[in-house]
N, C-alpha and C. Protein backbone atom coordinates (compact mmCIF):
# COMPACT_ATOMS: atom_id res chain seq x y z
N UNK A 1 162.64 58.42 -88.85
CA UNK A 1 163.39 59.61 -89.01
C UNK A 1 162.45 60.74 -89.44
N UNK A 2 162.61 61.85 -88.81
CA UNK A 2 161.74 62.98 -89.15
C UNK A 2 162.31 63.71 -90.36
N UNK A 3 161.46 64.58 -90.93
CA UNK A 3 161.90 65.36 -92.08
C UNK A 3 163.09 66.25 -91.71
N UNK A 4 163.03 66.82 -90.52
CA UNK A 4 164.11 67.65 -90.04
C UNK A 4 165.42 66.88 -89.93
N UNK A 5 165.34 65.66 -89.39
CA UNK A 5 166.55 64.83 -89.28
C UNK A 5 167.10 64.47 -90.67
N UNK A 6 166.20 64.18 -91.59
CA UNK A 6 166.63 63.84 -92.96
C UNK A 6 167.27 65.03 -93.61
N UNK A 7 166.72 66.21 -93.41
CA UNK A 7 167.33 67.40 -93.96
C UNK A 7 168.77 67.62 -93.42
N UNK A 8 168.95 67.31 -92.14
CA UNK A 8 170.28 67.40 -91.54
C UNK A 8 171.22 66.42 -92.20
N UNK A 9 170.78 65.21 -92.42
CA UNK A 9 171.62 64.21 -93.05
C UNK A 9 171.99 64.65 -94.48
N UNK A 10 171.03 65.17 -95.22
CA UNK A 10 171.28 65.57 -96.58
C UNK A 10 172.22 66.76 -96.72
N UNK A 11 172.37 67.53 -95.64
CA UNK A 11 173.29 68.64 -95.62
C UNK A 11 174.72 68.19 -95.32
N UNK A 12 174.91 66.98 -94.88
CA UNK A 12 176.26 66.48 -94.56
C UNK A 12 177.04 66.34 -95.89
N UNK A 13 178.37 66.48 -95.84
CA UNK A 13 179.17 66.16 -97.01
C UNK A 13 178.99 64.68 -97.37
N UNK A 14 179.12 64.40 -98.66
CA UNK A 14 178.92 63.05 -99.15
C UNK A 14 179.74 62.02 -98.38
N UNK A 15 180.98 62.37 -98.12
CA UNK A 15 181.87 61.43 -97.42
C UNK A 15 181.27 61.06 -96.05
N UNK A 16 180.72 62.05 -95.34
CA UNK A 16 180.15 61.82 -94.02
C UNK A 16 178.87 61.00 -94.15
N UNK A 17 178.08 61.26 -95.19
CA UNK A 17 176.84 60.47 -95.39
C UNK A 17 177.16 59.02 -95.65
N UNK A 18 178.23 58.79 -96.39
CA UNK A 18 178.63 57.37 -96.68
C UNK A 18 178.98 56.69 -95.36
N UNK A 19 179.75 57.38 -94.51
CA UNK A 19 180.13 56.81 -93.22
C UNK A 19 178.88 56.60 -92.37
N UNK A 20 177.91 57.51 -92.42
CA UNK A 20 176.67 57.38 -91.67
C UNK A 20 175.90 56.15 -92.12
N UNK A 21 175.80 55.98 -93.46
CA UNK A 21 175.09 54.80 -94.00
C UNK A 21 175.82 53.50 -93.56
N UNK A 22 177.12 53.51 -93.58
CA UNK A 22 177.87 52.33 -93.10
C UNK A 22 177.54 52.05 -91.62
N UNK A 23 177.44 53.09 -90.84
CA UNK A 23 177.08 52.90 -89.43
C UNK A 23 175.67 52.31 -89.28
N UNK A 24 174.76 52.82 -90.09
CA UNK A 24 173.39 52.29 -90.07
C UNK A 24 173.38 50.83 -90.48
N UNK A 25 174.08 50.51 -91.56
CA UNK A 25 174.16 49.13 -92.03
C UNK A 25 174.77 48.22 -90.97
N UNK A 26 175.84 48.67 -90.33
CA UNK A 26 176.47 47.87 -89.30
C UNK A 26 175.52 47.60 -88.14
N UNK A 27 174.61 48.54 -87.88
CA UNK A 27 173.64 48.34 -86.80
C UNK A 27 172.56 47.36 -87.20
N UNK A 28 172.32 47.16 -88.48
CA UNK A 28 171.31 46.26 -88.97
C UNK A 28 171.84 44.83 -89.16
N UNK A 29 173.07 44.73 -89.57
CA UNK A 29 173.69 43.44 -89.94
C UNK A 29 173.52 42.35 -88.87
N UNK A 30 173.71 42.60 -87.57
CA UNK A 30 173.60 41.50 -86.60
C UNK A 30 172.19 40.85 -86.59
N UNK A 31 171.15 41.59 -86.91
CA UNK A 31 169.81 41.01 -86.90
C UNK A 31 169.31 40.59 -88.26
N UNK A 32 170.17 40.72 -89.31
CA UNK A 32 169.74 40.43 -90.66
C UNK A 32 169.28 38.99 -90.84
N UNK A 33 169.90 38.05 -90.13
CA UNK A 33 169.53 36.64 -90.29
C UNK A 33 168.15 36.34 -89.66
N UNK A 34 167.59 37.30 -88.98
CA UNK A 34 166.27 37.12 -88.37
C UNK A 34 165.14 37.49 -89.32
N UNK A 35 165.52 38.13 -90.45
CA UNK A 35 164.51 38.55 -91.45
C UNK A 35 164.21 37.33 -92.31
N UNK A 36 162.95 36.94 -92.37
CA UNK A 36 162.61 35.77 -93.18
C UNK A 36 162.76 36.04 -94.67
N UNK A 37 163.24 35.06 -95.40
CA UNK A 37 163.39 35.16 -96.86
C UNK A 37 162.10 34.59 -97.45
N UNK A 38 161.40 35.36 -98.27
CA UNK A 38 160.13 34.86 -98.88
C UNK A 38 160.40 33.62 -99.71
N UNK A 39 159.45 32.73 -99.72
CA UNK A 39 159.57 31.48 -100.44
C UNK A 39 159.75 31.76 -101.93
N UNK A 40 159.14 32.83 -102.45
CA UNK A 40 159.27 33.15 -103.87
C UNK A 40 160.72 33.52 -104.19
N UNK A 41 161.45 34.12 -103.26
CA UNK A 41 162.84 34.48 -103.50
C UNK A 41 163.68 33.19 -103.52
N UNK A 42 163.39 32.31 -102.60
CA UNK A 42 164.14 31.02 -102.56
C UNK A 42 163.95 30.27 -103.85
N UNK A 43 162.71 30.22 -104.35
CA UNK A 43 162.42 29.53 -105.62
C UNK A 43 163.18 30.15 -106.77
N UNK A 44 163.18 31.47 -106.80
CA UNK A 44 163.87 32.18 -107.88
C UNK A 44 165.37 31.86 -107.84
N UNK A 45 165.96 31.87 -106.66
CA UNK A 45 167.40 31.54 -106.53
C UNK A 45 167.65 30.11 -107.01
N UNK A 46 166.77 29.18 -106.60
CA UNK A 46 166.91 27.79 -107.06
C UNK A 46 166.85 27.68 -108.57
N UNK A 47 165.90 28.40 -109.20
CA UNK A 47 165.79 28.39 -110.65
C UNK A 47 167.03 28.95 -111.34
N UNK A 48 167.53 30.00 -110.79
CA UNK A 48 168.74 30.63 -111.38
C UNK A 48 169.95 29.70 -111.23
N UNK A 49 170.06 29.05 -110.09
CA UNK A 49 171.18 28.12 -109.86
C UNK A 49 171.06 26.95 -110.80
N UNK A 50 169.88 26.42 -111.00
CA UNK A 50 169.69 25.28 -111.91
C UNK A 50 170.04 25.69 -113.34
N UNK A 51 169.65 26.92 -113.72
CA UNK A 51 169.97 27.41 -115.07
C UNK A 51 171.49 27.53 -115.22
N UNK A 52 172.17 28.03 -114.20
CA UNK A 52 173.62 28.14 -114.25
C UNK A 52 174.24 26.74 -114.35
N UNK A 53 173.79 25.79 -113.54
CA UNK A 53 174.35 24.45 -113.57
C UNK A 53 174.15 23.77 -114.93
N UNK A 54 173.04 24.06 -115.60
CA UNK A 54 172.78 23.47 -116.87
C UNK A 54 173.69 24.02 -117.98
N UNK A 55 174.14 25.26 -117.82
CA UNK A 55 174.98 25.89 -118.84
C UNK A 55 175.89 26.96 -118.24
N UNK A 56 176.90 26.56 -117.48
CA UNK A 56 177.79 27.54 -116.81
C UNK A 56 178.48 28.51 -117.79
N UNK A 57 178.69 28.07 -119.01
CA UNK A 57 179.39 28.92 -119.97
C UNK A 57 178.52 30.06 -120.48
N UNK A 58 177.23 30.06 -120.15
CA UNK A 58 176.34 31.11 -120.62
C UNK A 58 176.44 32.39 -119.80
N UNK A 59 177.25 32.36 -118.76
CA UNK A 59 177.43 33.55 -117.96
C UNK A 59 178.09 34.65 -118.77
N UNK A 60 177.75 35.88 -118.50
CA UNK A 60 178.36 37.03 -119.16
C UNK A 60 179.71 37.34 -118.51
N UNK A 61 180.62 37.79 -119.33
CA UNK A 61 181.88 38.27 -118.78
C UNK A 61 181.60 39.64 -118.11
N UNK A 62 182.54 40.13 -117.35
CA UNK A 62 182.37 41.43 -116.72
C UNK A 62 182.14 42.54 -117.81
N UNK A 63 182.90 42.44 -118.87
CA UNK A 63 182.78 43.41 -119.99
C UNK A 63 181.41 43.31 -120.62
N UNK A 64 180.94 42.11 -120.90
CA UNK A 64 179.60 41.95 -121.51
C UNK A 64 178.52 42.52 -120.59
N UNK A 65 178.65 42.26 -119.29
CA UNK A 65 177.65 42.75 -118.34
C UNK A 65 177.61 44.28 -118.36
N UNK A 66 178.81 44.91 -118.31
CA UNK A 66 178.87 46.37 -118.33
C UNK A 66 178.29 46.94 -119.62
N UNK A 67 178.57 46.28 -120.76
CA UNK A 67 178.03 46.76 -122.03
C UNK A 67 176.52 46.61 -122.05
N UNK A 68 176.00 45.51 -121.48
CA UNK A 68 174.57 45.30 -121.45
C UNK A 68 173.87 46.37 -120.60
N UNK A 69 174.47 46.66 -119.47
CA UNK A 69 173.90 47.67 -118.56
C UNK A 69 173.94 49.03 -119.21
N UNK A 70 175.09 49.35 -119.84
CA UNK A 70 175.25 50.66 -120.50
C UNK A 70 174.29 50.86 -121.65
N UNK A 71 173.95 49.78 -122.35
CA UNK A 71 173.04 49.89 -123.50
C UNK A 71 171.60 50.15 -123.08
N UNK A 72 171.29 49.93 -121.81
CA UNK A 72 169.92 50.15 -121.32
C UNK A 72 169.66 51.62 -120.98
N UNK A 73 170.71 52.41 -120.91
CA UNK A 73 170.54 53.82 -120.56
C UNK A 73 170.08 54.66 -121.65
């Protein structure tokens, strides 16, 4: 995308930009399964799942998560 094209996009109303992003995402989605997942990401997911299985009650509630995120600001 050129700078000129990006400037055009940024001049669109927010609602239109959201629809534009959805269109872009929809064009990417069919090929998303062709993107390789790095081994480091797979290992991290495995570690997180093992941690969850070891102590499922340690998950934060939605409220706790929101408070945690808000306290970082």
